[in-house]
Protein backbone atom coordinates (compact mmCIF):
# COMPACT_ATOMS: atom_id res chain seq x y z
CA UNK A 1 0.00 0.00 0.00
CA UNK A 2 1.16 3.53 -0.58
CA UNK A 3 -0.07 7.07 -0.16
CA UNK A 4 0.58 8.05 -3.80
CA UNK A 5 -0.91 6.96 -7.12
CA UNK A 6 0.27 4.12 -9.23
CA UNK A 7 2.29 4.98 -12.36
CA UNK A 8 -0.66 4.79 -14.72
CA UNK A 9 -2.62 7.45 -12.84
CA UNK A 10 0.25 9.90 -12.36
CA UNK A 11 -0.49 11.71 -15.60
CA UNK A 12 -4.05 12.27 -14.45
CA UNK A 13 -2.88 14.29 -11.46
CA UNK A 14 -1.13 16.70 -13.82
CA UNK A 15 -4.31 17.02 -15.83
CA UNK A 16 -6.46 17.49 -12.75
CA UNK A 17 -4.26 20.25 -11.34
CA UNK A 18 -4.86 22.32 -14.46
CA UNK A 19 -8.25 23.95 -14.90
CA UNK A 20 -10.50 21.22 -16.17
CA UNK A 21 -12.82 23.30 -18.33
CA UNK A 22 -15.82 21.08 -17.90
CA UNK A 23 -18.71 23.14 -16.61
CA UNK A 24 -20.67 21.57 -13.77
CA UNK A 25 -24.18 20.75 -14.90
CA UNK A 26 -27.21 21.50 -12.78
CA UNK A 27 -27.15 19.12 -9.81
CA UNK A 28 -29.96 16.77 -8.86
CA UNK A 29 -30.12 17.71 -5.22
CA UNK A 30 -31.25 20.62 -3.08
CA UNK A 31 -29.73 21.67 0.22
CA UNK A 32 -31.95 20.83 3.17
CA UNK A 33 -33.52 23.46 5.33
CA UNK A 34 -31.80 24.47 8.56
CA UNK A 35 -34.44 22.67 10.60
CA UNK A 36 -33.16 19.40 9.15
CA UNK A 37 -29.58 19.82 10.32
CA UNK A 38 -29.80 19.54 14.10
CA UNK A 39 -28.04 16.15 14.10
CA UNK A 40 -26.83 13.74 11.47
CA UNK A 41 -29.32 11.09 12.47
CA UNK A 42 -32.32 13.41 12.29
CA UNK A 43 -31.86 14.67 8.75
CA UNK A 44 -34.06 11.93 7.34
CA UNK A 45 -37.21 11.19 9.23
CA UNK A 46 -39.21 8.41 7.66
CA UNK A 47 -37.63 6.81 4.64
CA UNK A 48 -39.45 4.55 2.23
CA UNK A 49 -36.93 2.00 0.98
CA UNK A 50 -37.00 -1.28 -0.84
CA UNK A 51 -35.72 -4.34 0.92
CA UNK A 52 -32.51 -5.35 -0.86
CA UNK A 53 -33.01 -8.13 -3.35
CA UNK A 54 -30.99 -10.02 -5.88
CA UNK A 55 -31.16 -9.28 -9.58
CA UNK A 56 -33.42 -11.73 -11.39
CA UNK A 57 -32.43 -10.74 -14.89
CA UNK A 58 -31.42 -13.50 -17.25
CA UNK A 59 -28.32 -13.66 -19.39
CA UNK A 60 -29.04 -12.06 -22.76
CA UNK A 61 -29.09 -14.36 -25.75
CA UNK A 62 -26.60 -12.92 -28.21
CA UNK A 63 -23.59 -14.07 -30.12
CA UNK A 64 -20.24 -13.14 -28.61
CA UNK A 65 -18.52 -10.32 -30.52
CA UNK A 66 -15.08 -10.81 -31.98
CA UNK A 67 -12.46 -9.77 -29.40
CA UNK A 68 -10.06 -6.94 -30.25
CA UNK A 69 -6.63 -7.89 -31.50
CA UNK A 70 -3.48 -7.55 -29.43
CA UNK A 71 -2.51 -4.64 -31.65
CA UNK A 72 -5.77 -2.87 -30.77
CA UNK A 73 -5.21 -3.37 -27.04
CA UNK A 74 -1.75 -1.84 -27.34
CA UNK A 75 -2.83 1.33 -29.12
CA UNK A 76 -2.98 3.15 -25.79
CA UNK A 77 -0.54 3.14 -22.88
CA UNK A 78 -2.63 0.83 -20.71
CA UNK A 79 -0.59 -2.19 -19.56
CA UNK A 80 -1.54 -5.70 -20.68
CA UNK A 81 -1.61 -8.94 -18.66
CA UNK A 82 -1.48 -12.27 -20.51
CA UNK A 83 -2.51 -15.31 -18.44
CA UNK A 84 -2.07 -18.83 -19.78
CA UNK A 85 -3.27 -21.80 -17.76
CA UNK A 86 -1.70 -25.24 -17.98
CA UNK A 87 -2.92 -26.94 -21.16
CA UNK A 88 -5.34 -24.05 -21.67
CA UNK A 89 -7.62 -25.32 -18.92
CA UNK A 90 -10.59 -23.04 -18.14
CA UNK A 91 -10.52 -21.42 -14.72
CA UNK A 92 -13.21 -23.20 -12.63
CA UNK A 93 -15.91 -20.97 -11.13
CA UNK A 94 -15.80 -22.83 -7.79
CA UNK A 95 -12.65 -20.99 -6.54
CA UNK A 96 -10.30 -23.93 -7.29
CA UNK A 97 -6.70 -22.85 -7.85
CA UNK A 98 -5.05 -23.92 -11.10
CA UNK A 99 -1.53 -23.34 -12.36
CA UNK A 100 -0.71 -20.67 -14.91
CA UNK A 101 2.01 -18.41 -16.28
CA UNK A 102 1.67 -14.64 -16.47
CA UNK A 103 3.23 -12.14 -18.87
CA UNK A 104 3.24 -8.44 -17.91
CA UNK A 105 3.68 -5.98 -20.74
CA UNK A 106 3.64 -2.20 -20.93
CA UNK A 107 5.08 -1.44 -24.33
CA UNK A 108 4.98 2.30 -23.87
CA UNK A 109 7.16 2.07 -20.76
CA UNK A 110 9.41 -0.66 -22.10
CA UNK A 111 8.24 -2.97 -19.30
CA UNK A 112 8.21 -6.71 -19.99
CA UNK A 113 8.11 -9.67 -17.58
CA UNK A 114 7.45 -13.07 -19.09
CA UNK A 115 6.42 -16.54 -17.95
CA UNK A 116 5.97 -15.70 -14.28
CA UNK A 117 4.84 -18.87 -12.47
CA UNK A 118 1.56 -18.43 -10.59
CA UNK A 119 -1.81 -19.89 -9.75
CA UNK A 120 -5.19 -18.39 -10.57
CA UNK A 121 -8.69 -18.80 -9.21
CA UNK A 122 -11.98 -16.94 -9.34
CA UNK A 123 -12.87 -14.88 -6.29
CA UNK A 124 -15.58 -12.54 -5.01
CA UNK A 125 -19.15 -12.71 -3.77
CA UNK A 126 -21.60 -10.42 -5.54
CA UNK A 127 -19.19 -9.88 -8.46
CA UNK A 128 -18.82 -13.64 -8.84
CA UNK A 129 -22.59 -14.09 -8.95
CA UNK A 130 -22.82 -11.47 -11.70
CA UNK A 131 -19.99 -13.16 -13.62
CA UNK A 132 -21.65 -16.57 -13.40
CA UNK A 133 -24.68 -15.11 -15.16
CA UNK A 134 -23.12 -12.58 -17.50
CA UNK A 135 -19.40 -13.33 -17.82
CA UNK A 136 -16.17 -11.44 -16.99
CA UNK A 137 -14.94 -13.19 -13.85
CA UNK A 138 -13.01 -11.68 -10.94
CA UNK A 139 -9.66 -13.39 -10.35
CA UNK A 140 -6.97 -13.78 -7.74
CA UNK A 141 -3.37 -14.33 -8.90
CA UNK A 142 -0.84 -15.85 -6.53
CA UNK A 143 2.68 -15.67 -7.91
CA UNK A 144 5.28 -18.23 -6.84
CA UNK A 145 7.69 -15.38 -6.14
CA UNK A 146 6.94 -11.85 -4.99
CA UNK A 147 6.35 -9.36 -7.79
CA UNK A 148 5.47 -5.68 -8.06
CA UNK A 149 3.57 -5.66 -11.38
CA UNK A 150 4.28 -2.53 -13.43
CA UNK A 151 5.79 -0.97 -10.31
CA UNK A 152 2.39 0.08 -8.98
CA UNK A 153 3.29 -0.44 -5.30
CA UNK A 154 6.15 0.25 -2.94
CA UNK A 155 6.70 -3.45 -2.23
CA UNK A 156 6.57 -6.74 -4.10
CA UNK A 157 4.01 -9.33 -2.96
CA UNK A 158 2.66 -12.63 -4.17
CA UNK A 159 -1.11 -11.94 -4.05
CA UNK A 160 -2.84 -9.66 -6.57
CA UNK A 161 -6.49 -9.19 -7.52
CA UNK A 162 -8.11 -8.57 -10.91
CA UNK A 163 -11.44 -6.79 -10.42
CA UNK A 164 -13.77 -6.80 -13.47
CA UNK A 165 -16.05 -3.95 -12.34
CA UNK A 166 -18.72 -5.66 -14.42
CA UNK A 167 -21.67 -3.96 -12.73
CA UNK A 168 -20.05 -0.52 -12.89
CA UNK A 169 -20.01 0.57 -16.49
CA UNK A 170 -17.79 3.54 -15.70
CA UNK A 171 -15.23 1.22 -14.06
CA UNK A 172 -14.27 4.29 -12.02
CA UNK A 173 -16.16 3.95 -8.75
CA UNK A 174 -13.46 1.89 -7.06
CA UNK A 175 -10.90 4.30 -8.46
CA UNK A 176 -12.76 7.26 -6.93
CA UNK A 177 -13.05 5.65 -3.48
CA UNK A 178 -9.46 4.40 -3.32
CA UNK A 179 -8.10 7.74 -4.53
CA UNK A 180 -10.12 9.57 -1.92
CA UNK A 181 -8.79 7.10 0.64
CA UNK A 182 -5.26 8.01 -0.48
CA UNK A 183 -6.02 11.70 -0.13
CA UNK A 184 -7.63 11.66 3.32
CA UNK A 185 -4.93 11.84 6.00
CA UNK A 186 -7.06 10.03 8.59
CA UNK A 187 -7.11 6.86 6.47
CA UNK A 188 -3.62 5.41 6.88
CA UNK A 189 -3.71 2.84 4.06
CA UNK A 190 -5.50 2.57 0.73
CA UNK A 191 -4.84 -0.09 -1.91
CA UNK A 192 -2.63 0.58 -4.92
CA UNK A 193 -4.36 -0.08 -8.23
CA UNK A 194 -3.93 0.06 -12.00
CA UNK A 195 -6.19 -0.30 -15.05
CA UNK A 196 -5.04 -3.12 -17.36
CA UNK A 197 -6.15 -5.13 -20.39
CA UNK A 198 -6.38 -8.86 -19.63
CA UNK A 199 -6.00 -11.86 -21.96
CA UNK A 200 -6.78 -15.36 -20.71
CA UNK A 201 -5.52 -18.25 -22.83
CA UNK A 202 -5.32 -15.91 -25.80
CA UNK A 203 -8.87 -14.57 -25.41
CA UNK A 204 -9.41 -10.88 -24.64
CA UNK A 205 -11.30 -10.50 -21.35
CA UNK A 206 -11.54 -6.71 -21.20
CA UNK A 207 -10.30 -3.94 -18.92
CA UNK A 208 -9.70 -4.95 -15.30
CA UNK A 209 -8.57 -3.21 -12.16
CA UNK A 210 -5.32 -4.75 -10.93
CA UNK A 211 -5.08 -4.13 -7.21
CA UNK A 212 -3.64 -5.44 -3.97
CA UNK A 213 -4.97 -8.28 -1.91
CA UNK A 214 -6.16 -6.88 1.42
CA UNK A 215 -3.81 -8.64 3.82
CA UNK A 216 -1.47 -8.10 6.72
CA UNK A 217 1.87 -7.80 4.94
CA UNK A 218 4.77 -5.45 4.35
CA UNK A 219 3.63 -2.64 2.08
CA UNK A 220 -0.02 -3.53 2.59
CA UNK A 221 -1.99 -3.34 5.82
CA UNK A 222 0.70 -2.56 8.45
CA UNK A 223 -0.15 -5.30 10.93
CA UNK A 224 2.32 -7.50 12.77
CA UNK A 225 0.39 -10.74 13.25
CA UNK A 226 3.41 -12.87 14.15
CA UNK A 227 3.10 -12.66 17.95
CA UNK A 228 2.38 -15.82 19.94
CA UNK A 229 0.70 -14.34 23.01
CA UNK A 230 -2.98 -13.66 23.54
CA UNK A 231 -2.66 -10.18 22.04
CA UNK A 232 -1.55 -10.14 18.43
CA UNK A 233 -1.96 -7.67 15.61
CA UNK A 234 -5.14 -8.33 13.64
CA UNK A 235 -6.98 -7.39 10.45
CA UNK A 236 -10.74 -8.03 10.31
CA UNK A 237 -13.58 -7.46 7.90
CA UNK A 238 -17.15 -6.61 8.87
CA UNK A 239 -18.61 -9.39 6.77
CA UNK A 240 -22.14 -10.74 6.74
CA UNK A 241 -21.00 -13.42 4.29
CA UNK A 242 -19.35 -14.92 7.39
CA UNK A 243 -22.71 -16.51 8.17
CA UNK A 244 -21.73 -19.10 5.56
CA UNK A 245 -17.94 -19.39 6.01
CA UNK A 246 -15.69 -21.28 3.62
CA UNK A 247 -13.30 -23.95 4.82
CA UNK A 248 -10.43 -22.38 6.75
CA UNK A 249 -12.20 -19.09 7.46
CA UNK A 250 -11.90 -17.66 10.97
CA UNK A 251 -15.07 -15.83 11.92
CA UNK A 252 -16.83 -14.46 14.99
CA UNK A 253 -19.84 -12.36 15.91
CA UNK A 254 -20.40 -9.41 18.22
CA UNK A 255 -23.93 -8.11 18.68
CA UNK A 256 -25.66 -8.09 15.30
CA UNK A 257 -22.41 -7.93 13.32
CA UNK A 258 -20.35 -10.77 11.86
CA UNK A 259 -16.63 -10.56 11.19
CA UNK A 260 -13.96 -12.48 9.28
CA UNK A 261 -10.38 -12.44 10.51
CA UNK A 262 -7.99 -11.73 7.60
CA UNK A 263 -4.72 -12.06 9.53
CA UNK A 264 -2.96 -14.96 11.21
CA UNK A 265 -4.56 -16.33 14.36
CA UNK A 266 -2.00 -18.41 16.24
CA UNK A 267 -4.27 -19.84 18.93
CA UNK A 268 -7.73 -19.71 20.49
CA UNK A 269 -6.60 -17.09 22.99
CA UNK A 270 -5.88 -14.65 20.15
CA UNK A 271 -9.36 -15.10 18.66
CA UNK A 272 -10.81 -14.57 22.14
CA UNK A 273 -8.78 -11.34 22.46
CA UNK A 274 -10.00 -10.03 19.08
CA UNK A 275 -13.60 -10.86 19.98
CA UNK A 276 -13.30 -9.16 23.35
CA UNK A 277 -11.70 -6.05 21.87
CA UNK A 278 -14.44 -5.63 19.27
CA UNK A 279 -16.99 -6.19 22.04
CA UNK A 280 -15.44 -3.32 24.01
CA UNK A 281 -15.55 -1.09 20.92
CA UNK A 282 -19.20 -1.94 20.36
CA UNK A 283 -20.00 -1.12 23.99
CA UNK A 284 -18.18 2.21 23.64
CA UNK A 285 -20.14 3.01 20.46
CA UNK A 286 -23.48 2.33 22.09
CA UNK A 287 -22.52 4.21 25.25
CA UNK A 288 -22.04 7.39 23.23
CA UNK A 289 -18.99 8.18 25.39
CA UNK A 290 -16.24 9.89 23.39
CA UNK A 291 -13.51 9.05 25.90
CA UNK A 292 -14.32 5.33 25.91
CA UNK A 293 -14.41 5.27 22.12
CA UNK A 294 -11.18 7.24 21.67
CA UNK A 295 -9.33 4.93 24.05
CA UNK A 296 -9.99 2.04 21.68
CA UNK A 297 -10.34 3.55 18.19
CA UNK A 298 -8.33 6.07 16.21
CA UNK A 299 -10.93 8.82 15.87
CA UNK A 300 -9.38 10.43 12.79
CA UNK A 301 -9.72 7.19 10.85
CA UNK A 302 -13.31 6.75 12.06
CA UNK A 303 -14.26 10.28 10.92
CA UNK A 304 -12.50 10.14 7.54
CA UNK A 305 -13.83 6.67 6.77
CA UNK A 306 -17.32 7.85 7.67
CA UNK A 307 -17.03 10.76 5.24
CA UNK A 308 -15.65 8.54 2.47
CA UNK A 309 -18.54 6.10 2.94
CA UNK A 310 -21.15 8.86 3.23
CA UNK A 311 -19.87 10.86 0.26
CA UNK A 312 -19.92 7.73 -1.90
CA UNK A 313 -23.24 6.65 -0.35
CA UNK A 314 -21.92 3.10 -0.24
CA UNK A 315 -24.86 0.78 0.27
CA UNK A 316 -22.69 -2.10 1.51
CA UNK A 317 -20.79 -0.20 4.21
CA UNK A 318 -22.39 -2.26 6.99
CA UNK A 319 -22.64 -5.52 5.07
CA UNK A 320 -19.17 -6.51 3.90
CA UNK A 321 -15.75 -5.21 2.79
CA UNK A 322 -15.49 -2.82 5.75
CA UNK A 323 -11.96 -3.43 7.08
CA UNK A 324 -10.39 -2.57 10.42
CA UNK A 325 -6.97 -3.35 11.85
CA UNK A 326 -5.03 -3.07 15.09
CA UNK A 327 -1.49 -3.74 16.21
CA UNK A 328 -0.61 -5.08 19.65
CA UNK A 329 -0.74 -2.21 22.11
CA UNK A 330 -2.33 0.13 19.57
CA UNK A 331 -5.78 1.39 18.67
CA UNK A 332 -8.25 0.10 16.08
CA UNK A 333 -8.10 1.82 12.67
CA UNK A 334 -10.94 1.93 10.15
CA UNK A 335 -9.09 1.07 6.92
CA UNK A 336 -8.44 0.24 4.13
CA UNK A 337 -11.38 1.17 1.84
CA UNK A 338 -12.57 -1.62 -0.46
CA UNK A 339 -15.39 -2.50 -2.89
CA UNK A 340 -17.36 0.53 -4.08
CA UNK A 341 -18.82 -0.70 -7.37
CA UNK A 342 -22.38 -0.25 -6.05
CA UNK A 343 -21.64 3.18 -4.54
CA UNK A 344 -21.86 6.66 -6.10
CA UNK A 345 -25.48 6.25 -7.28
CA UNK A 346 -25.11 2.77 -8.76
CA UNK A 347 -27.69 0.88 -6.70
CA UNK A 348 -31.43 1.24 -7.32
CA UNK A 349 -32.27 -0.14 -3.86
CA UNK A 350 -30.83 2.94 -2.16
CA UNK A 351 -33.19 5.83 -2.95
CA UNK A 352 -33.23 4.85 -6.63
CA UNK A 353 -29.63 6.00 -6.95
CA UNK A 354 -30.36 9.54 -5.73
CA UNK A 355 -27.49 11.77 -4.61
CA UNK A 356 -29.66 13.12 -1.78
CA UNK A 357 -30.14 11.83 1.75
CA UNK A 358 -27.77 10.76 4.49
CA UNK A 359 -27.39 7.00 4.50
CA UNK A 360 -24.39 5.89 6.57
CA UNK A 361 -25.55 8.16 9.40
CA UNK A 362 -29.12 6.91 9.43
CA UNK A 363 -29.41 3.56 7.70
CA UNK A 364 -32.59 2.39 6.04
CA UNK A 365 -35.44 0.40 7.49
CA UNK A 366 -35.28 -3.20 6.36
CA UNK A 367 -31.70 -3.03 5.09
CA UNK A 368 -29.13 -5.56 6.25
CA UNK A 369 -26.43 -3.26 4.85
CA UNK A 370 -26.79 -0.55 7.51
CA UNK A 371 -23.56 0.30 9.34
CA UNK A 372 -24.87 -0.02 12.88
CA UNK A 373 -21.88 1.63 14.57
CA UNK A 374 -22.03 4.76 12.45
CA UNK A 375 -25.78 5.07 12.96
CA UNK A 376 -25.12 5.20 16.70
CA UNK A 377 -22.06 7.47 16.50
CA UNK A 378 -23.94 9.99 14.39
CA UNK A 379 -26.53 10.38 17.14
CA UNK A 380 -23.86 11.97 19.36
CA UNK A 381 -22.99 15.65 19.31
CA UNK A 382 -19.25 15.03 19.60
CA UNK A 383 -19.02 12.79 16.53
CA UNK A 384 -21.37 15.02 14.51
CA UNK A 385 -19.21 18.04 15.39
CA UNK A 386 -16.05 16.25 14.29
CA UNK A 387 -17.70 15.27 11.01
CA UNK A 388 -18.83 18.83 10.32
CA UNK A 389 -15.40 20.23 11.11
CA UNK A 390 -13.64 17.69 8.92
CA UNK A 391 -16.03 18.13 5.98
CA UNK A 392 -15.38 21.86 6.05
CA UNK A 393 -11.65 21.08 5.68
CA UNK A 394 -11.99 18.65 2.77
CA UNK A 395 -15.02 19.68 0.70
CA UNK A 396 -13.19 22.23 -1.45
CA UNK A 397 -9.89 20.37 -1.35
CA UNK A 398 -9.94 16.55 -1.42
CA UNK A 399 -13.56 16.23 -2.56
CA UNK A 400 -13.15 18.67 -5.44
CA UNK A 401 -9.85 17.05 -6.36
CA UNK A 402 -11.23 13.54 -6.60
CA UNK A 403 -14.17 14.71 -8.73
CA UNK A 404 -11.72 16.45 -11.06
CA UNK A 405 -9.58 13.32 -11.28
CA UNK A 406 -12.57 11.14 -12.13
CA UNK A 407 -13.48 13.55 -14.92
CA UNK A 408 -9.95 13.45 -16.27
CA UNK A 409 -9.69 9.67 -15.96
CA UNK A 410 -13.00 9.14 -17.77
CA UNK A 411 -11.63 11.06 -20.74
CA UNK A 412 -8.26 9.32 -20.52
CA UNK A 413 -9.76 5.82 -20.54
CA UNK A 414 -12.35 6.38 -23.25
CA UNK A 415 -10.40 4.70 -26.07
CA UNK A 416 -9.45 1.69 -23.96
CA UNK A 417 -13.04 1.36 -22.81
CA UNK A 418 -14.16 1.08 -26.43
CA UNK A 419 -12.26 -2.21 -26.49
CA UNK A 420 -13.78 -3.37 -23.20
CA UNK A 421 -17.31 -2.67 -24.39
CA UNK A 422 -16.61 -4.25 -27.73
CA UNK A 423 -16.05 -7.41 -25.69
CA UNK A 424 -18.92 -6.74 -23.24
CA UNK A 425 -21.45 -4.59 -25.15
CA UNK A 426 -24.65 -5.00 -23.10
CA UNK A 427 -25.38 -1.42 -22.03
CA UNK A 428 -29.14 -2.00 -21.79
CA UNK A 429 -29.04 -5.17 -19.67
CA UNK A 430 -29.36 -5.01 -15.88
CA UNK A 431 -26.26 -6.76 -14.62
CA UNK A 432 -26.47 -6.10 -10.89
CA UNK A 433 -28.43 -3.38 -9.08
CA UNK A 434 -28.07 -0.43 -11.47
CA UNK A 435 -30.81 2.24 -11.30
CA UNK A 436 -33.30 1.75 -14.11
CA UNK A 437 -32.65 5.13 -15.71
CA UNK A 438 -28.98 4.26 -16.29
CA UNK A 439 -30.06 1.46 -18.63
CA UNK A 440 -31.04 4.13 -21.14
CA UNK A 441 -27.38 5.19 -21.45
CA UNK A 442 -25.81 3.77 -24.59
CA UNK A 443 -22.29 5.21 -24.39
CA UNK A 444 -19.43 5.14 -21.93
CA UNK A 445 -19.50 8.94 -21.79
CA UNK A 446 -23.13 8.97 -20.68
CA UNK A 447 -22.23 6.69 -17.80
CA UNK A 448 -19.18 8.71 -16.74
CA UNK A 449 -21.11 11.99 -17.03
CA UNK A 450 -23.76 10.50 -14.75
CA UNK A 451 -21.08 9.54 -12.23
CA UNK A 452 -19.36 12.94 -12.14
CA UNK A 453 -22.67 14.81 -12.06
CA UNK A 454 -23.77 12.55 -9.20
CA UNK A 455 -20.55 13.29 -7.27
CA UNK A 456 -21.07 17.04 -7.71
CA UNK A 457 -24.68 16.73 -6.58
CA UNK A 458 -23.59 14.67 -3.58
CA UNK A 459 -21.02 17.29 -2.61
CA UNK A 460 -23.68 19.99 -2.83
CA UNK A 461 -26.09 17.98 -0.70
CA UNK A 462 -23.51 17.27 2.00
CA UNK A 463 -22.38 20.90 1.97
CA UNK A 464 -25.98 21.74 2.79
CA UNK A 465 -25.83 19.39 5.77
CA UNK A 466 -22.34 19.82 7.19
CA UNK A 467 -21.58 23.48 6.40
CA UNK A 468 -24.80 24.84 7.89
CA UNK A 469 -24.64 26.02 11.49
CA UNK A 470 -26.56 23.32 13.37
CA UNK A 471 -27.71 25.86 15.99
CA UNK A 472 -29.06 28.31 13.45
């Protein structure tokens, strides 16, 4: 993990620091009245919301288009990953590991690594379900030897993830969240990432996001989990998928939340310590006592992660992919950010994709995705005051910057995305939980314009909440 971009995105920073010329269109939201801003949890009174449900759409019946040639995929500077399995064996969709070799090529940078020994398997939960119906699978690569592909990180590691972003037709929502995580000083780690073309056994699979595995390791989540005593460093995920754990998973529950342990657990005493610590944090949250909470949790990380989740209006914040870590003798940190493909207005179940309304602070009736801790914290004056103060610091700095970078990146990727959507052309098919009105968009630009307009509208809405004097 690092606090700077990967190589591929460096040019975008230069573009984003110049005046971006794109005029902000009229936003979709209106600032709330002052009577609605007394506390974060009281902004929304009664909310009518759908109970989350799975997509029931069927795979479209259409012939597969001819994939672009290797020459086409090289016409821009985007790096290319070639994966070849032993004897050309298909990658099973049941998460079985199979052997492969990997070639890494960035012709524009003169970067070539060939025949790297590795294994590959499918991964994911919701993204895997989408892939099983509509194609473009998420993958995990485990190299035999540590590698730093295309120099995107500060350290070499064996485990790397290829995210298809199948349900996000901009393929920029994870980029936006991880970049904002890099910008916000209270979030100590955010995954490195890079957009790449992927070929599997000679077949073009489209544009993927190459990113780090979330793990306790040098250059990744800074956790020392090698201790043998009862207290060890740990990395956990708030994870409702833990109700159905896979073989080898270490899970536990506290209150209504389920967690998966993503670091090494040496003995039963260490799992007991982790469970007890999270129990103490939960008790501090529900007590509303700032001192109790701050003794256990790094408050700056809690505030900045709240604002990242609220700005993106991430429906799954309280369901899965919410990571926390702690070193022996230290406090709990809320980091790193992960999995935002349904955020930024890309889920019909959450207010139809609207940029209005607080969500992380209030939750929704009937949702299993509500972040129960943040709902409680946002009822307190001390946490609400910290949020307001921090938003005032970042709204015209980090928030504006990330919107500008998304605009620049959308333009930068447009040619490469033509190749991706030549391979996966179904703009009018509901793949996951996209709002219905986005299915009328027939171009990549329409989707990216919707995303950047949504981000501007969200900023305006939150300005109307957090910049208004609550006592006025």
